[in-house]
Amino acid sequence: MIKNKFNSKLREYARTLSPKSSKRDLVGKLYQSLNDLFGANNCIQIGSYPRFTAIAPISDLDILYILGPWYENNHTPSTTLQNLFNQISSGYNNPTNFTKKVSLQTHSVTIEFWQNSNMIISIDIVPAYSHSLNKYGQDKYKVPEVIKEKNHSKRNSLAWDALNPHAWINSDPRGYLKIATEVGVNNDFRKTVKLIKKWKNNLYCQDEDLKLKSFHLEQVVINIFQLDPDIEIFNAIFLFFINLPSIISTPNQIPDIANNDKYIDDYLKKLTPAQKKKIIYARDNFLIKLENLKESDSVDNLMAIIFYERFNSEEFLFDKKIPVLIDPSYSFKVDGFVKPLPGFSSGWLSSTPQLQSGLTCDLGKKRYINFSVKINNTGADRYEWKVKNDNSCGYPRGEITLNQTKNDPESTEYLGNHFVECFAIKDNVCMTKSRVNVKVI
């Protein structure tokens, strides 16, 4: 599929991931209810929703409640949170027909809205004090630090302890919103983020130990668009996934703009080597499907998680950072010429039915095949060849070599269904490809 069609297909799918109008209306109603309680000048939305990078379904919102200016050594997080809890419990007017539940967390007060046994949406209200300015001249804030306690009940109990020493940390939500707005002049930025978040959510649904953080991945995409402000969605998606192994390999690559000594990707240190390897298996499958995506194929299938564990010798064009953008206007065909052997058929594989039925690999009856380009109007500047043996044989191969197959000629040594594929490359893009199957019996 050519790039323009790829871009259109990916953009159309990204639009389906956006929150529905009914949920947006609910968010607006809930945000207004908090403005009514706290005052419009004291309440700002934070998180992915105001950055327009949220995807459906929206299950939670984040609100910053600005209490005033920061005074050093004059604020206790637990006291501030308790006062906020009391204020919401007694003064909040629920604008919906859903049942309201208010709870105290380690860094926020949460309002949950329930319909029978289903939670419709929750809002985290984070208390904040204005503290200094960011590089854009906007307020930065002090907010209670999230306590990194896995056990939910233990985490909540810490918030109720007035003697708990959990600290305040710097936060710059306006700065992150400004950055997202700057790169967002390219409409493909938010669509790219949404597609990657959808894949990330699907990954988590398959294995809850493979938790990548949305905010981290969004910052990775921001960096892609900062380096190339005119990049299109296909190139951005491709670049993200080919770089994913290095993205998750080492924590602490992306500093928090509000805290010089903190990193938004520090959580990666909790991922084990086995978990990282499994994420790469899922990433490989995504890129394999991307190489073979047709105009009639569903993007949902592209986003479905399959863990593809390749043999060590197997290579793909994405390993060489070469995208596959098939242009159907090109004529390109490769074939294999089976060399003569007394008592056996010989000739081109694609036009000799006897050869298509199977070649022998018996000792003394081994066949030799020369693979070459037979039809070509591409004007390619180079050709990459891949030989892939049947996975069930003793030597599955899968290497990619320049301008000819690794062995010339190739020989029939292993039973099974094999193939040889050739890629026509120009300006480091695969314009078209051709495959010939080889059955060995």
Protein backbone atom coordinates (compact mmCIF):
# COMPACT_ATOMS: atom_id res chain seq x y z
CA MET A 1 0.00 0.00 0.00
CA ILE A 2 1.42 3.41 -0.94
CA LYS A 3 2.07 5.95 1.81
CA ASN A 4 -0.89 8.23 1.05
CA LYS A 5 -3.30 5.32 1.46
CA PHE A 6 -1.50 4.17 4.59
CA ASN A 7 -1.81 7.66 6.04
CA SER A 8 -5.51 7.88 5.21
CA LYS A 9 -6.21 4.45 6.69
CA LEU A 10 -4.36 5.18 9.93
CA ARG A 11 -5.92 8.63 10.30
CA GLU A 12 -9.40 7.26 9.79
CA TYR A 13 -8.82 4.59 12.44
CA ALA A 14 -7.39 7.14 14.90
CA ARG A 15 -10.55 9.20 14.62
CA THR A 16 -12.59 6.20 15.82
CA LEU A 17 -10.50 6.13 19.01
CA SER A 18 -11.52 9.61 20.16
CA PRO A 19 -14.00 9.97 23.04
CA LYS A 20 -17.62 9.94 21.94
CA SER A 21 -19.70 13.12 22.09
CA SER A 22 -21.85 11.79 24.94
CA LYS A 23 -18.75 11.21 27.08
CA ARG A 24 -17.34 14.62 26.16
CA ASP A 25 -20.63 16.18 27.25
CA LEU A 26 -20.41 14.33 30.57
CA VAL A 27 -16.83 15.53 31.08
CA GLY A 28 -17.90 19.11 30.42
CA LYS A 29 -20.74 18.82 32.92
CA LEU A 30 -18.48 17.34 35.61
CA TYR A 31 -15.77 19.94 35.06
CA GLN A 32 -18.32 22.74 35.38
CA SER A 33 -19.59 21.23 38.64
CA LEU A 34 -16.06 21.46 40.08
CA ASN A 35 -15.70 25.03 38.84
CA ASP A 36 -18.91 25.78 40.72
CA LEU A 37 -17.42 24.31 43.89
CA PHE A 38 -13.86 25.63 43.71
CA GLY A 39 -14.15 28.66 41.42
CA ALA A 40 -13.31 28.70 37.72
CA ASN A 41 -9.96 30.42 38.27
CA ASN A 42 -8.88 27.79 40.78
CA CYS A 43 -9.55 24.66 38.73
CA ILE A 44 -7.73 23.34 35.64
CA GLN A 45 -7.93 20.09 33.75
CA ILE A 46 -4.71 18.11 33.50
CA GLY A 47 -3.78 14.80 31.90
CA SER A 48 -4.42 13.54 28.39
CA TYR A 49 -7.96 14.90 28.00
CA PRO A 50 -7.05 18.62 27.73
CA ARG A 51 -4.07 17.64 25.53
CA PHE A 52 -6.58 15.93 23.20
CA THR A 53 -4.62 12.67 23.31
CA ALA A 54 -7.16 10.68 25.35
CA ILE A 55 -8.81 7.65 23.77
CA ALA A 56 -12.16 6.05 24.44
CA PRO A 57 -13.42 4.86 26.75
CA ILE A 58 -12.60 7.66 29.18
CA SER A 59 -12.64 6.14 32.65
CA ASP A 60 -10.88 8.83 34.66
CA LEU A 61 -10.14 12.54 34.66
CA ASP A 62 -7.52 14.61 36.45
CA ILE A 63 -8.24 18.04 37.92
CA LEU A 64 -5.80 20.41 39.62
CA TYR A 65 -7.36 22.48 42.42
CA ILE A 66 -5.18 25.54 43.02
CA LEU A 67 -5.28 26.55 46.68
CA GLY A 68 -3.06 29.62 46.45
CA PRO A 69 0.65 30.47 46.60
CA TRP A 70 3.21 28.11 48.07
CA TYR A 71 4.87 28.89 51.39
CA GLU A 72 7.79 26.69 52.35
CA ASN A 73 7.24 24.53 55.46
CA ASN A 74 3.66 25.70 55.81
CA HIS A 75 1.74 22.89 54.17
CA THR A 76 1.11 19.33 55.30
CA PRO A 77 -0.05 17.03 52.48
CA SER A 78 -2.23 14.85 54.69
CA THR A 79 -3.94 17.88 56.26
CA THR A 80 -4.49 19.49 52.85
CA LEU A 81 -5.97 16.28 51.47
CA GLN A 82 -8.21 15.80 54.49
CA ASN A 83 -9.55 19.36 54.19
CA LEU A 84 -10.19 18.81 50.48
CA PHE A 85 -11.97 15.54 51.23
CA ASN A 86 -14.20 17.28 53.77
CA GLN A 87 -14.96 20.14 51.37
CA ILE A 88 -16.00 17.77 48.56
CA SER A 89 -17.95 15.45 50.85
CA SER A 90 -20.04 18.27 52.24
CA GLY A 91 -20.22 20.79 49.42
CA TYR A 92 -20.06 19.01 46.05
CA ASN A 93 -23.27 19.08 44.01
CA ASN A 94 -23.52 15.96 41.82
CA PRO A 95 -24.79 17.09 38.37
CA THR A 96 -25.58 13.53 37.22
CA ASN A 97 -28.01 10.77 38.07
CA PHE A 98 -25.10 8.47 38.93
CA THR A 99 -24.25 7.50 42.50
CA LYS A 100 -21.34 9.53 43.87
CA LYS A 101 -18.55 7.99 45.99
CA VAL A 102 -15.78 10.15 47.49
CA SER A 103 -12.51 8.65 48.70
CA LEU A 104 -9.15 9.86 49.94
CA GLN A 105 -6.03 8.78 47.99
CA THR A 106 -2.35 9.35 48.64
CA HIS A 107 -2.10 12.45 46.45
CA SER A 108 -5.69 13.30 45.58
CA VAL A 109 -9.36 13.03 46.42
CA THR A 110 -11.32 10.82 44.05
CA ILE A 111 -14.97 11.13 43.09
CA GLU A 112 -16.39 8.02 41.45
CA PHE A 113 -19.69 7.95 39.59
CA TRP A 114 -21.51 4.61 39.60
CA GLN A 115 -24.52 3.19 37.84
CA ASN A 116 -25.54 0.11 39.81
CA SER A 117 -22.36 -2.04 39.86
CA ASN A 118 -20.64 -0.23 36.98
CA MET A 119 -18.29 2.69 37.52
CA ILE A 120 -18.98 5.19 34.73
CA ILE A 121 -16.13 7.62 35.37
CA SER A 122 -13.88 8.87 38.16
CA ILE A 123 -12.25 12.23 38.83
CA ASP A 124 -8.97 12.69 40.69
CA ILE A 125 -8.81 16.15 42.27
CA VAL A 126 -5.20 17.01 43.11
CA PRO A 127 -4.59 19.92 45.51
CA ALA A 128 -1.88 22.29 44.31
CA TYR A 129 -0.07 25.46 45.31
CA SER A 130 1.39 27.78 42.68
CA HIS A 131 5.17 27.72 42.85
CA SER A 132 7.50 29.57 40.44
CA LEU A 133 7.15 29.85 36.65
CA ASN A 134 8.04 27.51 33.81
CA LYS A 135 10.02 28.54 30.71
CA TYR A 136 6.78 29.77 29.11
CA GLY A 137 6.09 32.15 31.98
CA GLN A 138 3.25 29.97 33.30
CA ASP A 139 2.65 28.81 36.86
CA LYS A 140 4.21 25.61 38.09
CA TYR A 141 2.75 23.88 41.13
CA LYS A 142 3.51 21.90 44.24
CA VAL A 143 1.37 18.76 44.54
CA PRO A 144 1.41 15.79 46.95
CA GLU A 145 3.75 13.05 45.78
CA VAL A 146 2.17 9.78 44.73
CA ILE A 147 3.08 7.04 47.18
CA LYS A 148 4.39 4.09 45.20
CA GLU A 149 2.64 1.38 47.19
CA LYS A 150 1.21 -1.48 45.14
CA ASN A 151 -1.32 -2.59 47.73
CA HIS A 152 -4.40 -0.38 47.25
CA SER A 153 -5.63 -0.55 50.84
CA LYS A 154 -2.16 0.17 52.25
CA ARG A 155 -1.75 3.09 49.85
CA ASN A 156 -5.05 4.62 50.94
CA SER A 157 -4.32 4.16 54.64
CA LEU A 158 -1.13 6.20 54.27
CA ALA A 159 -3.13 9.16 53.04
CA TRP A 160 -5.21 9.17 56.23
CA ASP A 161 -2.14 9.25 58.49
CA ALA A 162 -1.57 12.85 59.52
CA LEU A 163 1.97 11.98 60.62
CA ASN A 164 2.86 10.44 57.26
CA PRO A 165 5.89 12.35 55.86
CA HIS A 166 5.08 11.94 52.15
CA ALA A 167 6.31 15.05 50.38
CA TRP A 168 5.30 17.70 47.94
CA ILE A 169 6.80 17.59 44.44
CA ASN A 170 6.96 20.02 41.55
CA SER A 171 4.41 19.67 38.76
CA ASP A 172 4.18 21.50 35.43
CA PRO A 173 0.94 20.47 33.70
CA ARG A 174 0.72 23.79 31.85
CA GLY A 175 4.19 23.22 30.43
CA TYR A 176 3.30 19.76 29.13
CA LEU A 177 0.08 21.15 27.66
CA LYS A 178 2.04 23.92 25.93
CA ILE A 179 4.49 21.42 24.43
CA ALA A 180 1.65 19.22 23.17
CA THR A 181 -0.05 22.27 21.69
CA GLU A 182 3.13 23.27 19.86
CA VAL A 183 3.66 19.90 18.19
CA GLY A 184 -0.11 19.56 17.76
CA VAL A 185 -0.07 22.05 14.88
CA ASN A 186 0.69 18.88 12.94
CA ASN A 187 -2.69 17.11 13.11
CA ASP A 188 -1.00 13.72 12.87
CA PHE A 189 0.59 14.14 16.32
CA ARG A 190 -2.53 13.41 18.34
CA LYS A 191 -3.64 10.67 15.96
CA THR A 192 -0.25 8.98 16.31
CA VAL A 193 -0.46 9.13 20.11
CA LYS A 194 -3.96 7.63 20.08
CA LEU A 195 -2.92 4.71 17.88
CA ILE A 196 0.05 3.93 20.09
CA LYS A 197 -2.08 4.19 23.24
CA LYS A 198 -4.57 1.76 21.74
CA TRP A 199 -1.77 -0.73 21.01
CA LYS A 200 -0.41 -0.20 24.52
CA ASN A 201 -3.84 -0.87 26.05
CA ASN A 202 -4.24 -4.02 23.96
CA LEU A 203 -0.82 -5.16 25.16
CA TYR A 204 -1.84 -4.68 28.78
CA CYS A 205 -5.09 -6.59 28.18
CA GLN A 206 -3.07 -9.54 26.91
CA ASP A 207 -0.62 -9.47 29.80
CA GLU A 208 -1.09 -7.17 32.81
CA ASP A 209 2.62 -7.42 33.62
CA LEU A 210 3.42 -5.54 30.41
CA LYS A 211 2.37 -2.10 31.62
CA LEU A 212 3.76 0.80 29.62
CA LYS A 213 2.67 4.26 30.75
CA SER A 214 0.64 6.39 28.36
CA PHE A 215 2.29 9.64 29.43
CA HIS A 216 5.75 8.19 28.78
CA LEU A 217 4.82 6.99 25.29
CA GLU A 218 3.20 10.35 24.52
CA GLN A 219 6.46 12.11 25.36
CA VAL A 220 8.33 9.76 23.05
CA VAL A 221 5.95 10.73 20.23
CA ILE A 222 6.37 14.41 21.10
CA ASN A 223 10.11 14.01 20.62
CA ILE A 224 9.52 12.44 17.19
CA PHE A 225 7.42 15.41 16.10
CA GLN A 226 9.84 17.93 17.60
CA LEU A 227 12.67 16.44 15.53
CA ASP A 228 10.53 16.42 12.38
CA PRO A 229 7.58 18.84 12.63
CA ASP A 230 6.24 17.80 9.20
CA ILE A 231 6.33 14.04 9.76
CA GLU A 232 3.27 12.07 8.63
CA ILE A 233 1.43 9.49 10.69
CA PHE A 234 2.81 6.41 8.90
CA ASN A 235 6.42 7.53 9.33
CA ALA A 236 5.81 8.50 12.96
CA ILE A 237 4.20 5.13 13.79
CA PHE A 238 6.98 3.27 11.97
CA LEU A 239 9.69 5.27 13.73
CA PHE A 240 8.12 4.70 17.15
CA PHE A 241 7.93 0.93 16.76
CA ILE A 242 11.37 0.41 15.25
CA ASN A 243 12.79 2.38 18.20
CA LEU A 244 10.65 0.67 20.85
CA PRO A 245 13.39 -1.78 21.95
CA SER A 246 15.74 1.12 22.75
CA ILE A 247 12.87 3.08 24.34
CA ILE A 248 12.23 0.35 26.91
CA SER A 249 15.81 -0.92 27.23
CA THR A 250 17.02 1.65 29.76
CA PRO A 251 15.03 3.73 32.26
CA ASN A 252 15.63 7.43 32.98
CA GLN A 253 15.96 8.63 29.40
CA ILE A 254 13.26 11.36 29.59
CA PRO A 255 13.56 13.96 32.39
CA ASP A 256 10.46 15.42 34.01
CA ILE A 257 10.39 19.09 32.97
CA ALA A 258 9.22 20.03 36.49
CA ASN A 259 11.85 18.02 38.41
CA ASN A 260 15.45 17.85 37.24
CA ASP A 261 16.15 14.79 39.37
CA LYS A 262 13.11 12.78 38.24
CA TYR A 263 12.33 10.89 35.03
CA ILE A 264 8.96 10.00 33.60
CA ASP A 265 10.29 6.63 32.39
CA ASP A 266 11.84 5.55 35.69
CA TYR A 267 9.14 2.88 36.02
CA LEU A 268 10.90 0.88 33.29
CA LYS A 269 13.41 -0.36 35.86
CA LYS A 270 10.62 -2.54 37.25
CA LEU A 271 10.28 -4.42 33.96
CA THR A 272 12.20 -7.68 33.92
CA PRO A 273 14.31 -8.78 30.92
CA ALA A 274 11.66 -11.42 30.16
CA GLN A 275 8.89 -8.80 30.17
CA LYS A 276 10.88 -6.49 27.89
CA LYS A 277 11.51 -9.38 25.53
CA LYS A 278 7.80 -10.13 25.41
CA ILE A 279 7.02 -6.50 24.57
CA ILE A 280 9.48 -6.77 21.68
CA TYR A 281 7.75 -9.96 20.50
CA ALA A 282 4.48 -7.99 20.31
CA ARG A 283 6.26 -5.11 18.58
CA ASP A 284 7.78 -7.49 16.00
CA ASN A 285 4.36 -8.85 15.17
CA PHE A 286 2.98 -5.33 14.73
CA LEU A 287 5.74 -4.43 12.28
CA ILE A 288 5.39 -7.73 10.40
CA LYS A 289 1.68 -7.04 9.95
CA LEU A 290 2.48 -3.45 8.95
CA GLU A 291 4.81 -4.72 6.21
CA ASN A 292 2.01 -6.85 4.82
CA LEU A 293 -1.03 -4.63 5.43
CA LYS A 294 -3.38 -4.39 2.45
CA GLU A 295 -5.92 -1.73 1.65
CA SER A 296 -8.74 -4.17 2.44
CA ASP A 297 -7.25 -5.17 5.83
CA SER A 298 -8.60 -3.88 9.13
CA VAL A 299 -6.40 -1.70 11.32
CA ASP A 300 -7.98 -3.50 14.28
CA ASN A 301 -6.14 -6.60 13.11
CA LEU A 302 -2.92 -4.60 12.98
CA MET A 303 -3.46 -3.51 16.58
CA ALA A 304 -4.25 -7.02 17.85
CA ILE A 305 -1.49 -8.37 20.09
CA ILE A 306 0.37 -11.51 19.06
CA PHE A 307 3.72 -12.43 20.55
CA TYR A 308 5.93 -13.44 17.63
CA GLU A 309 9.08 -15.19 18.81
CA ARG A 310 11.32 -15.26 15.78
CA PHE A 311 14.25 -17.57 15.23
CA ASN A 312 17.60 -15.89 15.87
CA SER A 313 18.53 -15.91 12.19
CA GLU A 314 15.28 -14.36 10.92
CA GLU A 315 15.40 -10.78 9.69
CA PHE A 316 12.85 -8.30 8.45
CA LEU A 317 13.17 -5.08 6.51
CA PHE A 318 12.19 -3.10 9.62
CA ASP A 319 15.41 -4.37 11.22
CA LYS A 320 17.17 -2.30 8.57
CA LYS A 321 14.73 0.61 9.16
CA ILE A 322 13.23 0.11 5.69
CA PRO A 323 9.45 0.69 5.44
CA VAL A 324 7.37 -1.36 3.00
CA LEU A 325 5.17 0.88 0.85
CA ILE A 326 3.97 -1.25 -2.06
CA ASP A 327 3.11 0.66 -5.23
CA PRO A 328 0.87 -1.56 -7.43
CA SER A 329 1.86 0.38 -10.56
CA TYR A 330 5.24 -1.37 -10.60
CA SER A 331 5.82 -4.67 -12.42
CA PHE A 332 8.22 -6.82 -10.46
CA LYS A 333 8.66 -10.59 -10.43
CA VAL A 334 11.33 -12.98 -9.22
CA ASP A 335 11.66 -16.64 -10.07
CA GLY A 336 13.89 -19.59 -9.40
CA PHE A 337 15.50 -21.69 -12.11
CA VAL A 338 15.89 -25.32 -11.04
CA LYS A 339 19.03 -26.73 -12.63
CA PRO A 340 18.80 -29.94 -14.66
CA LEU A 341 19.20 -33.33 -12.99
CA PRO A 342 18.92 -36.55 -15.00
CA GLY A 343 15.49 -38.10 -14.59
CA PHE A 344 13.90 -34.98 -13.07
CA SER A 345 12.14 -31.92 -14.42
CA SER A 346 14.01 -28.62 -14.57
CA GLY A 347 13.11 -25.03 -15.45
CA TRP A 348 11.47 -22.01 -13.83
CA LEU A 349 9.48 -22.69 -10.67
CA SER A 350 6.59 -20.38 -11.55
CA SER A 351 5.90 -22.03 -14.91
CA THR A 352 6.68 -25.71 -14.30
CA PRO A 353 3.84 -27.56 -12.53
CA GLN A 354 5.99 -30.62 -11.80
CA LEU A 355 8.45 -28.45 -9.86
CA GLN A 356 5.66 -26.72 -7.96
CA SER A 357 4.49 -30.12 -6.71
CA GLY A 358 7.78 -30.56 -4.89
CA LEU A 359 11.52 -30.95 -5.22
CA THR A 360 13.60 -33.74 -3.80
CA CYS A 361 16.26 -33.43 -1.14
CA ASP A 362 17.37 -37.08 -1.15
CA LEU A 363 21.09 -37.67 -1.00
CA GLY A 364 22.44 -37.62 -4.53
CA LYS A 365 19.21 -36.08 -5.85
CA LYS A 366 19.57 -32.63 -4.31
CA ARG A 367 18.31 -29.85 -6.55
CA TYR A 368 20.03 -26.50 -7.11
CA ILE A 369 18.14 -23.29 -7.78
CA ASN A 370 19.28 -19.90 -9.09
CA PHE A 371 16.99 -17.05 -8.08
CA SER A 372 16.82 -13.89 -10.16
CA VAL A 373 14.61 -10.94 -11.08
CA LYS A 374 12.60 -11.74 -14.23
CA ILE A 375 10.36 -8.66 -14.60
CA ASN A 376 11.33 -5.24 -13.33
CA ASN A 377 10.35 -1.66 -14.15
CA THR A 378 11.00 -0.20 -10.67
CA GLY A 379 14.26 1.67 -11.17
CA ALA A 380 15.27 0.45 -7.71
CA ASP A 381 18.76 1.26 -6.49
CA ARG A 382 19.21 -2.05 -4.69
CA TYR A 383 17.53 -5.40 -4.03
CA GLU A 384 17.31 -7.28 -0.75
CA TRP A 385 16.77 -11.05 -0.78
CA LYS A 386 15.26 -13.17 1.98
CA VAL A 387 15.39 -16.95 2.18
CA LYS A 388 12.98 -18.48 4.69
CA ASN A 389 12.88 -22.19 5.33
CA ASP A 390 9.99 -24.01 6.95
CA ASN A 391 9.94 -23.35 10.71
CA SER A 392 9.64 -27.08 11.37
CA CYS A 393 12.91 -27.94 9.63
CA GLY A 394 16.30 -28.01 11.31
CA TYR A 395 17.50 -24.75 9.74
CA PRO A 396 14.69 -22.18 9.36
CA ARG A 397 17.01 -19.35 8.23
CA GLY A 398 15.31 -16.02 7.36
CA GLU A 399 18.37 -13.84 6.74
CA ILE A 400 18.20 -10.87 4.36
CA THR A 401 21.13 -10.29 2.02
CA LEU A 402 21.99 -7.64 -0.55
CA ASN A 403 21.52 -8.21 -4.30
CA GLN A 404 21.39 -12.02 -4.19
CA THR A 405 20.45 -14.90 -1.91
CA LYS A 406 23.01 -15.92 0.66
CA ASN A 407 23.82 -19.05 -1.32
CA ASP A 408 23.94 -18.85 -5.10
CA PRO A 409 22.68 -21.30 -6.08
CA GLU A 410 20.43 -22.39 -3.21
CA SER A 411 19.96 -26.13 -2.68
CA THR A 412 17.20 -28.43 -1.42
CA GLU A 413 18.40 -29.71 1.93
CA TYR A 414 15.34 -29.58 4.18
CA LEU A 415 11.80 -30.86 3.87
CA GLY A 416 8.95 -28.40 4.06
CA ASN A 417 7.41 -25.32 2.50
CA HIS A 418 9.99 -22.60 2.00
CA PHE A 419 10.05 -19.28 0.16
CA VAL A 420 12.43 -16.77 -1.35
CA GLU A 421 11.42 -13.12 -1.39
CA CYS A 422 12.99 -10.13 -3.09
CA PHE A 423 12.44 -6.48 -2.15
CA ALA A 424 13.01 -3.60 -4.58
CA ILE A 425 14.47 -0.71 -2.57
CA LYS A 426 14.77 2.93 -3.60
CA ASP A 427 15.69 5.80 -1.26
CA ASN A 428 15.57 3.28 1.59
CA VAL A 429 11.91 2.44 0.93
CA CYS A 430 10.63 -0.91 -0.33
CA MET A 431 8.61 0.01 -3.42
CA THR A 432 7.45 -3.51 -4.22
CA LYS A 433 8.30 -7.14 -3.57
CA SER A 434 7.93 -10.58 -5.09
CA ARG A 435 7.93 -14.05 -3.61
CA VAL A 436 8.48 -17.52 -5.03
CA ASN A 437 7.51 -20.63 -3.04
CA VAL A 438 9.69 -23.72 -2.90
CA LYS A 439 8.24 -27.05 -1.75
CA VAL A 440 10.72 -29.79 -0.83
CA ILE A 441 9.51 -33.36 -0.41
